[in-house]
Amino acid sequence: MFHHDEKGAPAYPPKVMLNSIFYGYCRGIISSRPMEYACKTNGIVKALAWDADADTIAHFISSQAEAVKNLFAQVLCQ
Protein backbone atom coordinates (compact mmCIF):
# COMPACT_ATOMS: atom_id res chain seq x y z
CA MET A 1 0.00 0.00 0.00
CA PHE A 2 1.23 3.50 -0.78
CA HIS A 3 1.57 6.01 2.08
CA HIS A 4 2.24 9.73 1.74
CA ASP A 5 3.77 10.01 5.22
CA GLU A 6 3.84 8.27 8.58
CA LYS A 7 0.35 9.49 9.52
CA GLY A 8 -2.99 9.57 7.80
CA ALA A 9 -4.77 7.40 5.33
CA PRO A 10 -2.96 5.39 2.67
CA ALA A 11 -2.28 7.31 -0.54
CA TYR A 12 -3.92 6.33 -3.79
CA PRO A 13 -1.73 4.04 -5.91
CA PRO A 14 -0.32 5.90 -8.96
CA LYS A 15 -1.97 3.36 -11.28
CA VAL A 16 -5.40 4.30 -9.91
CA MET A 17 -4.74 8.00 -10.34
CA LEU A 18 -3.44 7.55 -13.89
CA ASN A 19 -6.36 5.33 -14.93
CA SER A 20 -8.90 7.91 -13.80
CA ILE A 21 -6.96 10.89 -15.19
CA PHE A 22 -6.43 9.28 -18.60
CA TYR A 23 -10.08 8.24 -18.82
CA GLY A 24 -11.09 11.78 -17.94
CA TYR A 25 -8.71 13.26 -20.51
CA CYS A 26 -10.13 10.95 -23.19
CA ARG A 27 -13.61 12.19 -22.28
CA GLY A 28 -12.56 15.87 -22.37
CA ILE A 29 -12.41 16.25 -18.60
CA ILE A 30 -9.14 18.06 -18.03
CA SER A 31 -9.49 19.86 -14.70
CA SER A 32 -9.76 18.46 -11.20
CA ARG A 33 -13.19 19.81 -10.17
CA PRO A 34 -15.04 18.33 -13.16
CA MET A 35 -13.02 15.15 -12.60
CA GLU A 36 -14.19 15.07 -8.98
CA TYR A 37 -17.79 15.56 -10.15
CA ALA A 38 -17.35 12.68 -12.61
CA CYS A 39 -15.95 10.55 -9.75
CA LYS A 40 -19.17 11.11 -7.85
CA THR A 41 -21.67 10.78 -10.72
CA ASN A 42 -20.17 8.50 -13.39
CA GLY A 43 -19.95 4.83 -12.45
CA ILE A 44 -16.92 4.15 -14.65
CA VAL A 45 -14.91 7.10 -13.32
CA LYS A 46 -16.00 6.29 -9.78
CA ALA A 47 -14.67 2.76 -10.12
CA LEU A 48 -11.41 3.92 -11.69
CA ALA A 49 -10.72 6.72 -9.20
CA TRP A 50 -11.74 5.07 -5.93
CA ASP A 51 -13.67 8.25 -5.02
CA ALA A 52 -10.63 10.54 -5.16
CA ASP A 53 -11.40 14.19 -4.44
CA ALA A 54 -10.41 17.26 -6.45
CA ASP A 55 -7.44 18.11 -4.21
CA THR A 56 -5.96 14.62 -4.53
CA ILE A 57 -6.36 14.61 -8.31
CA ALA A 58 -5.00 18.16 -8.69
CA HIS A 59 -2.02 17.45 -6.44
CA PHE A 60 -1.15 14.26 -8.31
CA ILE A 61 -1.32 16.00 -11.69
CA SER A 62 0.68 19.04 -10.57
CA SER A 63 3.34 17.03 -8.75
CA GLN A 64 3.76 14.61 -11.66
CA ALA A 65 2.88 16.92 -14.57
CA GLU A 66 5.69 15.98 -16.93
CA ALA A 67 5.33 12.25 -16.29
CA VAL A 68 1.54 12.37 -16.75
CA LYS A 69 1.96 14.33 -19.98
CA ASN A 70 4.56 11.92 -21.36
CA LEU A 71 2.59 8.82 -20.43
CA PHE A 72 -0.61 10.20 -21.92
CA ALA A 73 1.24 10.97 -25.18
CA GLN A 74 2.54 7.39 -25.23
CA VAL A 75 -0.96 6.03 -24.71
CA LEU A 76 -2.30 8.13 -27.58
CA CYS A 77 0.48 6.99 -29.92
CA GLN A 78 -0.25 3.30 -29.40
PDB file of N, CA and C in Angstrom:
ATOM      1  N   MET A   1       0.845  -1.179   0.000  1.00  0.00           N
ATOM      2  CA  MET A   1       0.000   0.000   0.000  1.00  0.00           C
ATOM      3  C   MET A   1       0.885   1.235   0.000  1.00  0.00           C
ATOM      4  N   PHE A   2       0.473   2.263  -0.695  1.00  0.00           N
ATOM      5  CA  PHE A   2       1.228   3.503  -0.781  1.00  0.00           C
ATOM      6  C   PHE A   2       0.843   4.417   0.372  1.00  0.00           C
ATOM      7  N   HIS A   3       1.813   5.056   0.993  1.00  0.00           N
ATOM      8  CA  HIS A   3       1.568   6.010   2.082  1.00  0.00           C
ATOM      9  C   HIS A   3       2.274   7.312   1.753  1.00  0.00           C
ATOM     10  N   HIS A   4       1.623   8.444   2.021  1.00  0.00           N
ATOM     11  CA  HIS A   4       2.245   9.728   1.737  1.00  0.00           C
ATOM     12  C   HIS A   4       3.095  10.228   2.900  1.00  0.00           C
ATOM     13  N   ASP A   5       2.901   9.717   4.080  1.00  0.00           N
ATOM     14  CA  ASP A   5       3.773  10.010   5.218  1.00  0.00           C
ATOM     15  C   ASP A   5       3.476   8.994   6.318  1.00  0.00           C
ATOM     16  N   GLU A   6       4.013   9.221   7.483  1.00  0.00           N
ATOM     17  CA  GLU A   6       3.841   8.266   8.581  1.00  0.00           C
ATOM     18  C   GLU A   6       2.425   8.278   9.154  1.00  0.00           C
ATOM     19  N   LYS A   7       1.698   9.357   8.962  1.00  0.00           N
ATOM     20  CA  LYS A   7       0.351   9.493   9.521  1.00  0.00           C
ATOM     21  C   LYS A   7      -0.672   9.576   8.404  1.00  0.00           C
ATOM     22  N   GLY A   8      -1.902   9.380   8.760  1.00  0.00           N
ATOM     23  CA  GLY A   8      -2.985   9.569   7.804  1.00  0.00           C
ATOM     24  C   GLY A   8      -3.337   8.319   7.030  1.00  0.00           C
ATOM     25  N   ALA A   9      -4.267   8.499   6.147  1.00  0.00           N
ATOM     26  CA  ALA A   9      -4.773   7.397   5.330  1.00  0.00           C
ATOM     27  C   ALA A   9      -3.760   7.018   4.255  1.00  0.00           C
ATOM     28  N   PRO A  10      -3.847   5.790   3.772  1.00  0.00           N
ATOM     29  CA  PRO A  10      -2.965   5.387   2.674  1.00  0.00           C
ATOM     30  C   PRO A  10      -3.209   6.259   1.436  1.00  0.00           C
ATOM     31  N   ALA A  11      -2.162   6.529   0.704  1.00  0.00           N
ATOM     32  CA  ALA A  11      -2.280   7.306  -0.535  1.00  0.00           C
ATOM     33  C   ALA A  11      -2.870   6.426  -1.634  1.00  0.00           C
ATOM     34  N   TYR A  12      -3.421   7.074  -2.643  1.00  0.00           N
ATOM     35  CA  TYR A  12      -3.922   6.326  -3.793  1.00  0.00           C
ATOM     36  C   TYR A  12      -2.736   5.784  -4.593  1.00  0.00           C
ATOM     37  N   PRO A  13      -2.806   4.548  -5.055  1.00  0.00           N
ATOM     38  CA  PRO A  13      -1.730   4.040  -5.909  1.00  0.00           C
ATOM     39  C   PRO A  13      -1.651   4.858  -7.209  1.00  0.00           C
ATOM     40  N   PRO A  14      -0.447   5.128  -7.714  1.00  0.00           N
ATOM     41  CA  PRO A  14      -0.321   5.900  -8.955  1.00  0.00           C
ATOM     42  C   PRO A  14      -1.124   5.317 -10.116  1.00  0.00           C
ATOM     43  N   LYS A  15      -1.208   4.004 -10.197  1.00  0.00           N
ATOM     44  CA  LYS A  15      -1.973   3.364 -11.276  1.00  0.00           C
ATOM     45  C   LYS A  15      -3.439   3.791 -11.245  1.00  0.00           C
ATOM     46  N   VAL A  16      -4.003   3.883 -10.055  1.00  0.00           N
ATOM     47  CA  VAL A  16      -5.405   4.295  -9.910  1.00  0.00           C
ATOM     48  C   VAL A  16      -5.572   5.732 -10.372  1.00  0.00           C
ATOM     49  N   MET A  17      -4.656   6.597  -9.947  1.00  0.00           N
ATOM     50  CA  MET A  17      -4.743   7.998 -10.341  1.00  0.00           C
ATOM     51  C   MET A  17      -4.607   8.142 -11.861  1.00  0.00           C
ATOM     52  N   LEU A  18      -3.642   7.449 -12.445  1.00  0.00           N
ATOM     53  CA  LEU A  18      -3.437   7.547 -13.892  1.00  0.00           C
ATOM     54  C   LEU A  18      -4.626   7.002 -14.673  1.00  0.00           C
ATOM     55  N   ASN A  19      -5.192   5.893 -14.241  1.00  0.00           N
ATOM     56  CA  ASN A  19      -6.364   5.334 -14.927  1.00  0.00           C
ATOM     57  C   ASN A  19      -7.498   6.351 -14.981  1.00  0.00           C
ATOM     58  N   SER A  20      -7.786   6.960 -13.843  1.00  0.00           N
ATOM     59  CA  SER A  20      -8.900   7.906 -13.801  1.00  0.00           C
ATOM     60  C   SER A  20      -8.575   9.186 -14.570  1.00  0.00           C
ATOM     61  N   ILE A  21      -7.346   9.676 -14.471  1.00  0.00           N
ATOM     62  CA  ILE A  21      -6.956  10.888 -15.188  1.00  0.00           C
ATOM     63  C   ILE A  21      -6.997  10.658 -16.695  1.00  0.00           C
ATOM     64  N   PHE A  22      -6.434   9.565 -17.168  1.00  0.00           N
ATOM     65  CA  PHE A  22      -6.430   9.282 -18.601  1.00  0.00           C
ATOM     66  C   PHE A  22      -7.845   9.096 -19.129  1.00  0.00           C
ATOM     67  N   TYR A  23      -8.686   8.410 -18.378  1.00  0.00           N
ATOM     68  CA  TYR A  23     -10.077   8.236 -18.817  1.00  0.00           C
ATOM     69  C   TYR A  23     -10.746   9.605 -18.921  1.00  0.00           C
ATOM     70  N   GLY A  24     -10.523  10.441 -17.912  1.00  0.00           N
ATOM     71  CA  GLY A  24     -11.090  11.785 -17.945  1.00  0.00           C
ATOM     72  C   GLY A  24     -10.589  12.585 -19.137  1.00  0.00           C
ATOM     73  N   TYR A  25      -9.279  12.541 -19.374  1.00  0.00           N
ATOM     74  CA  TYR A  25      -8.711  13.259 -20.515  1.00  0.00           C
ATOM     75  C   TYR A  25      -9.354  12.790 -21.820  1.00  0.00           C
ATOM     76  N   CYS A  26      -9.522  11.492 -21.962  1.00  0.00           N
ATOM     77  CA  CYS A  26     -10.127  10.952 -23.188  1.00  0.00           C
ATOM     78  C   CYS A  26     -11.566  11.404 -23.351  1.00  0.00           C
ATOM     79  N   ARG A  27     -12.214  11.733 -22.253  1.00  0.00           N
ATOM     80  CA  ARG A  27     -13.606  12.195 -22.284  1.00  0.00           C
ATOM     81  C   ARG A  27     -13.706  13.715 -22.272  1.00  0.00           C
ATOM     82  N   GLY A  28     -12.551  14.409 -22.350  1.00  0.00           N
ATOM     83  CA  GLY A  28     -12.558  15.868 -22.374  1.00  0.00           C
ATOM     84  C   GLY A  28     -12.607  16.511 -21.000  1.00  0.00           C
ATOM     85  N   ILE A  29     -12.421  15.727 -19.963  1.00  0.00           N
ATOM     86  CA  ILE A  29     -12.410  16.252 -18.597  1.00  0.00           C
ATOM     87  C   ILE A  29     -10.949  16.497 -18.233  1.00  0.00           C
ATOM     88  N   ILE A  30     -10.556  17.780 -18.211  1.00  0.00           N
ATOM     89  CA  ILE A  30      -9.136  18.065 -18.034  1.00  0.00           C
ATOM     90  C   ILE A  30      -8.807  18.850 -16.765  1.00  0.00           C
ATOM     91  N   SER A  31      -9.788  19.178 -15.960  1.00  0.00           N
ATOM     92  CA  SER A  31      -9.487  19.859 -14.697  1.00  0.00           C
ATOM     93  C   SER A  31     -10.031  19.042 -13.528  1.00  0.00           C
ATOM     94  N   SER A  32      -9.500  19.326 -12.349  1.00  0.00           N
ATOM     95  CA  SER A  32      -9.763  18.460 -11.199  1.00  0.00           C
ATOM     96  C   SER A  32     -11.204  18.541 -10.681  1.00  0.00           C
ATOM     97  N   ARG A  33     -11.809  19.716 -10.691  1.00  0.00           N
ATOM     98  CA  ARG A  33     -13.186  19.812 -10.172  1.00  0.00           C
ATOM     99  C   ARG A  33     -14.178  19.026 -11.032  1.00  0.00           C
ATOM    100  N   PRO A  34     -14.162  19.185 -12.354  1.00  0.00           N
ATOM    101  CA  PRO A  34     -15.037  18.329 -13.159  1.00  0.00           C
ATOM    102  C   PRO A  34     -14.699  16.841 -13.014  1.00  0.00           C
ATOM    103  N   MET A  35     -13.416  16.540 -12.821  1.00  0.00           N
ATOM    104  CA  MET A  35     -13.021  15.146 -12.602  1.00  0.00           C
ATOM    105  C   MET A  35     -13.625  14.633 -11.290  1.00  0.00           C
ATOM    106  N   GLU A  36     -13.584  15.463 -10.255  1.00  0.00           N
ATOM    107  CA  GLU A  36     -14.188  15.067  -8.983  1.00  0.00           C
ATOM    108  C   GLU A  36     -15.692  14.837  -9.160  1.00  0.00           C
ATOM    109  N   TYR A  37     -16.362  15.726  -9.888  1.00  0.00           N
ATOM    110  CA  TYR A  37     -17.786  15.557 -10.146  1.00  0.00           C
ATOM    111  C   TYR A  37     -18.040  14.240 -10.875  1.00  0.00           C
ATOM    112  N   ALA A  38     -17.219  13.942 -11.871  1.00  0.00           N
ATOM    113  CA  ALA A  38     -17.355  12.679 -12.605  1.00  0.00           C
ATOM    114  C   ALA A  38     -17.131  11.489 -11.678  1.00  0.00           C
ATOM    115  N   CYS A  39     -16.203  11.629 -10.721  1.00  0.00           N
ATOM    116  CA  CYS A  39     -15.954  10.547  -9.755  1.00  0.00           C
ATOM    117  C   CYS A  39     -17.191  10.258  -8.919  1.00  0.00           C
ATOM    118  N   LYS A  40     -17.987  11.277  -8.694  1.00  0.00           N
ATOM    119  CA  LYS A  40     -19.170  11.107  -7.854  1.00  0.00           C
ATOM    120  C   LYS A  40     -20.411  10.695  -8.645  1.00  0.00           C
ATOM    121  N   THR A  41     -20.442  10.999  -9.950  1.00  0.00           N
ATOM    122  CA  THR A  41     -21.667  10.782 -10.721  1.00  0.00           C
ATOM    123  C   THR A  41     -21.562   9.746 -11.832  1.00  0.00           C
ATOM    124  N   ASN A  42     -20.362   9.438 -12.284  1.00  0.00           N
ATOM    125  CA  ASN A  42     -20.169   8.503 -13.391  1.00  0.00           C
ATOM    126  C   ASN A  42     -19.613   7.196 -12.824  1.00  0.00           C
ATOM    127  N   GLY A  43     -20.341   6.120 -13.015  1.00  0.00           N
ATOM    128  CA  GLY A  43     -19.945   4.832 -12.454  1.00  0.00           C
ATOM    129  C   GLY A  43     -18.574   4.354 -12.896  1.00  0.00           C
ATOM    130  N   ILE A  44     -18.221   4.590 -14.148  1.00  0.00           N
ATOM    131  CA  ILE A  44     -16.915   4.151 -14.650  1.00  0.00           C
ATOM    132  C   ILE A  44     -15.801   4.934 -13.974  1.00  0.00           C
ATOM    133  N   VAL A  45     -15.938   6.264 -13.943  1.00  0.00           N
ATOM    134  CA  VAL A  45     -14.906   7.100 -13.319  1.00  0.00           C
ATOM    135  C   VAL A  45     -14.830   6.794 -11.828  1.00  0.00           C
ATOM    136  N   LYS A  46     -15.972   6.602 -11.214  1.00  0.00           N
ATOM    137  CA  LYS A  46     -16.000   6.292  -9.782  1.00  0.00           C
ATOM    138  C   LYS A  46     -15.212   5.018  -9.487  1.00  0.00           C
ATOM    139  N   ALA A  47     -15.399   4.019 -10.309  1.00  0.00           N
ATOM    140  CA  ALA A  47     -14.672   2.759 -10.116  1.00  0.00           C
ATOM    141  C   ALA A  47     -13.176   2.936 -10.369  1.00  0.00           C
ATOM    142  N   LEU A  48     -12.817   3.704 -11.368  1.00  0.00           N
ATOM    143  CA  LEU A  48     -11.408   3.918 -11.691  1.00  0.00           C
ATOM    144  C   LEU A  48     -10.682   4.754 -10.635  1.00  0.00           C
ATOM    145  N   ALA A  49     -11.371   5.749 -10.083  1.00  0.00           N
ATOM    146  CA  ALA A  49     -10.718   6.725  -9.202  1.00  0.00           C
ATOM    147  C   ALA A  49     -10.823   6.410  -7.719  1.00  0.00           C
ATOM    148  N   TRP A  50     -11.561   5.410  -7.352  1.00  0.00           N
ATOM    149  CA  TRP A  50     -11.735   5.066  -5.932  1.00  0.00           C
ATOM    150  C   TRP A  50     -12.225   6.264  -5.124  1.00  0.00           C
ATOM    151  N   ASP A  51     -13.099   7.080  -5.693  1.00  0.00           N
ATOM    152  CA  ASP A  51     -13.675   8.250  -5.016  1.00  0.00           C
ATOM    153  C   ASP A  51     -12.645   9.316  -4.631  1.00  0.00           C
ATOM    154  N   ALA A  52     -11.620   9.493  -5.425  1.00  0.00           N
ATOM    155  CA  ALA A  52     -10.635  10.541  -5.164  1.00  0.00           C
ATOM    156  C   ALA A  52     -11.304  11.910  -5.227  1.00  0.00           C
ATOM    157  N   ASP A  53     -10.836  12.840  -4.415  1.00  0.00           N
ATOM    158  CA  ASP A  53     -11.401  14.192  -4.435  1.00  0.00           C
ATOM    159  C   ASP A  53     -10.567  15.104  -5.330  1.00  0.00           C
ATOM    160  N   ALA A  54     -11.064  16.318  -5.536  1.00  0.00           N
ATOM    161  CA  ALA A  54     -10.410  17.261  -6.448  1.00  0.00           C
ATOM    162  C   ALA A  54      -8.992  17.597  -6.003  1.00  0.00           C
ATOM    163  N   ASP A  55      -8.778  17.767  -4.700  1.00  0.00           N
ATOM    164  CA  ASP A  55      -7.439  18.107  -4.208  1.00  0.00           C
ATOM    165  C   ASP A  55      -6.439  16.996  -4.489  1.00  0.00           C
ATOM    166  N   THR A  56      -6.846  15.760  -4.287  1.00  0.00           N
ATOM    167  CA  THR A  56      -5.963  14.620  -4.530  1.00  0.00           C
ATOM    168  C   THR A  56      -5.597  14.533  -6.007  1.00  0.00           C
ATOM    169  N   ILE A  57      -6.590  14.679  -6.868  1.00  0.00           N
ATOM    170  CA  ILE A  57      -6.362  14.612  -8.306  1.00  0.00           C
ATOM    171  C   ILE A  57      -5.465  15.771  -8.751  1.00  0.00           C
ATOM    172  N   ALA A  58      -5.783  16.987  -8.302  1.00  0.00           N
ATOM    173  CA  ALA A  58      -4.996  18.159  -8.693  1.00  0.00           C
ATOM    174  C   ALA A  58      -3.559  18.048  -8.209  1.00  0.00           C
ATOM    175  N   HIS A  59      -3.372  17.590  -6.981  1.00  0.00           N
ATOM    176  CA  HIS A  59      -2.017  17.449  -6.444  1.00  0.00           C
ATOM    177  C   HIS A  59      -1.223  16.411  -7.237  1.00  0.00           C
ATOM    178  N   PHE A  60      -1.849  15.299  -7.544  1.00  0.00           N
ATOM    179  CA  PHE A  60      -1.150  14.265  -8.306  1.00  0.00           C
ATOM    180  C   PHE A  60      -0.726  14.798  -9.671  1.00  0.00           C
ATOM    181  N   ILE A  61      -1.639  15.470 -10.367  1.00  0.00           N
ATOM    182  CA  ILE A  61      -1.320  15.996 -11.694  1.00  0.00           C
ATOM    183  C   ILE A  61      -0.214  17.051 -11.603  1.00  0.00           C
ATOM    184  N   SER A  62      -0.322  17.980 -10.647  1.00  0.00           N
ATOM    185  CA  SER A  62       0.679  19.043 -10.568  1.00  0.00           C
ATOM    186  C   SER A  62       2.035  18.530 -10.111  1.00  0.00           C
ATOM    187  N   SER A  63       2.053  17.540  -9.239  1.00  0.00           N
ATOM    188  CA  SER A  63       3.338  17.031  -8.748  1.00  0.00           C
ATOM    189  C   SER A  63       4.003  16.087  -9.743  1.00  0.00           C
ATOM    190  N   GLN A  64       3.239  15.553 -10.676  1.00  0.00           N
ATOM    191  CA  GLN A  64       3.761  14.607 -11.661  1.00  0.00           C
ATOM    192  C   GLN A  64       3.450  15.062 -13.085  1.00  0.00           C
ATOM    193  N   ALA A  65       3.374  16.368 -13.291  1.00  0.00           N
ATOM    194  CA  ALA A  65       2.878  16.917 -14.567  1.00  0.00           C
ATOM    195  C   ALA A  65       3.621  16.386 -15.789  1.00  0.00           C
ATOM    196  N   GLU A  66       4.927  16.421 -15.758  1.00  0.00           N
ATOM    197  CA  GLU A  66       5.695  15.982 -16.933  1.00  0.00           C
ATOM    198  C   GLU A  66       5.510  14.492 -17.184  1.00  0.00           C
ATOM    199  N   ALA A  67       5.512  13.695 -16.131  1.00  0.00           N
ATOM    200  CA  ALA A  67       5.333  12.248 -16.287  1.00  0.00           C
ATOM    201  C   ALA A  67       3.934  11.922 -16.813  1.00  0.00           C
ATOM    202  N   VAL A  68       2.915  12.597 -16.283  1.00  0.00           N
ATOM    203  CA  VAL A  68       1.541  12.368 -16.749  1.00  0.00           C
ATOM    204  C   VAL A  68       1.428  12.738 -18.226  1.00  0.00           C
ATOM    205  N   LYS A  69       1.991  13.884 -18.586  1.00  0.00           N
ATOM    206  CA  LYS A  69       1.956  14.334 -19.985  1.00  0.00           C
ATOM    207  C   LYS A  69       2.645  13.329 -20.916  1.00  0.00           C
ATOM    208  N   ASN A  70       3.816  12.879 -20.526  1.00  0.00           N
ATOM    209  CA  ASN A  70       4.560  11.921 -21.360  1.00  0.00           C
ATOM    210  C   ASN A  70       3.838  10.584 -21.482  1.00  0.00           C
ATOM    211  N   LEU A  71       3.314  10.087 -20.384  1.00  0.00           N
ATOM    212  CA  LEU A  71       2.588   8.819 -20.426  1.00  0.00           C
ATOM    213  C   LEU A  71       1.332   8.917 -21.270  1.00  0.00           C
ATOM    214  N   PHE A  72       0.612  10.029 -21.135  1.00  0.00           N
ATOM    215  CA  PHE A  72      -0.610  10.202 -21.923  1.00  0.00           C
ATOM    216  C   PHE A  72      -0.270  10.257 -23.410  1.00  0.00           C
ATOM    217  N   ALA A  73       0.810  10.933 -23.773  1.00  0.00           N
ATOM    218  CA  ALA A  73       1.241  10.973 -25.177  1.00  0.00           C
ATOM    219  C   ALA A  73       1.580   9.561 -25.677  1.00  0.00           C
ATOM    220  N   GLN A  74       2.226   8.764 -24.844  1.00  0.00           N
ATOM    221  CA  GLN A  74       2.543   7.391 -25.228  1.00  0.00           C
ATOM    222  C   GLN A  74       1.284   6.560 -25.447  1.00  0.00           C
ATOM    223  N   VAL A  75       0.310   6.752 -24.580  1.00  0.00           N
ATOM    224  CA  VAL A  75      -0.960   6.029 -24.711  1.00  0.00           C
ATOM    225  C   VAL A  75      -1.641   6.406 -26.015  1.00  0.00           C
ATOM    226  N   LEU A  76      -1.650   7.676 -26.351  1.00  0.00           N
ATOM    227  CA  LEU A  76      -2.296   8.126 -27.583  1.00  0.00           C
ATOM    228  C   LEU A  76      -1.592   7.605 -28.832  1.00  0.00           C
ATOM    229  N   CYS A  77      -0.289   7.444 -28.749  1.00  0.00           N
ATOM    230  CA  CYS A  77       0.484   6.988 -29.919  1.00  0.00           C
ATOM    231  C   CYS A  77       0.363   5.490 -30.165  1.00  0.00           C
ATOM    232  N   GLN A  78      -0.156   4.748 -29.217  1.00  0.00           N
ATOM    233  CA  GLN A  78      -0.252   3.297 -29.403  1.00  0.00           C
ATOM    234  C   GLN A  78      -1.530   2.913 -29.998  1.00  0.00           C
TER     235      GLN A  78
END
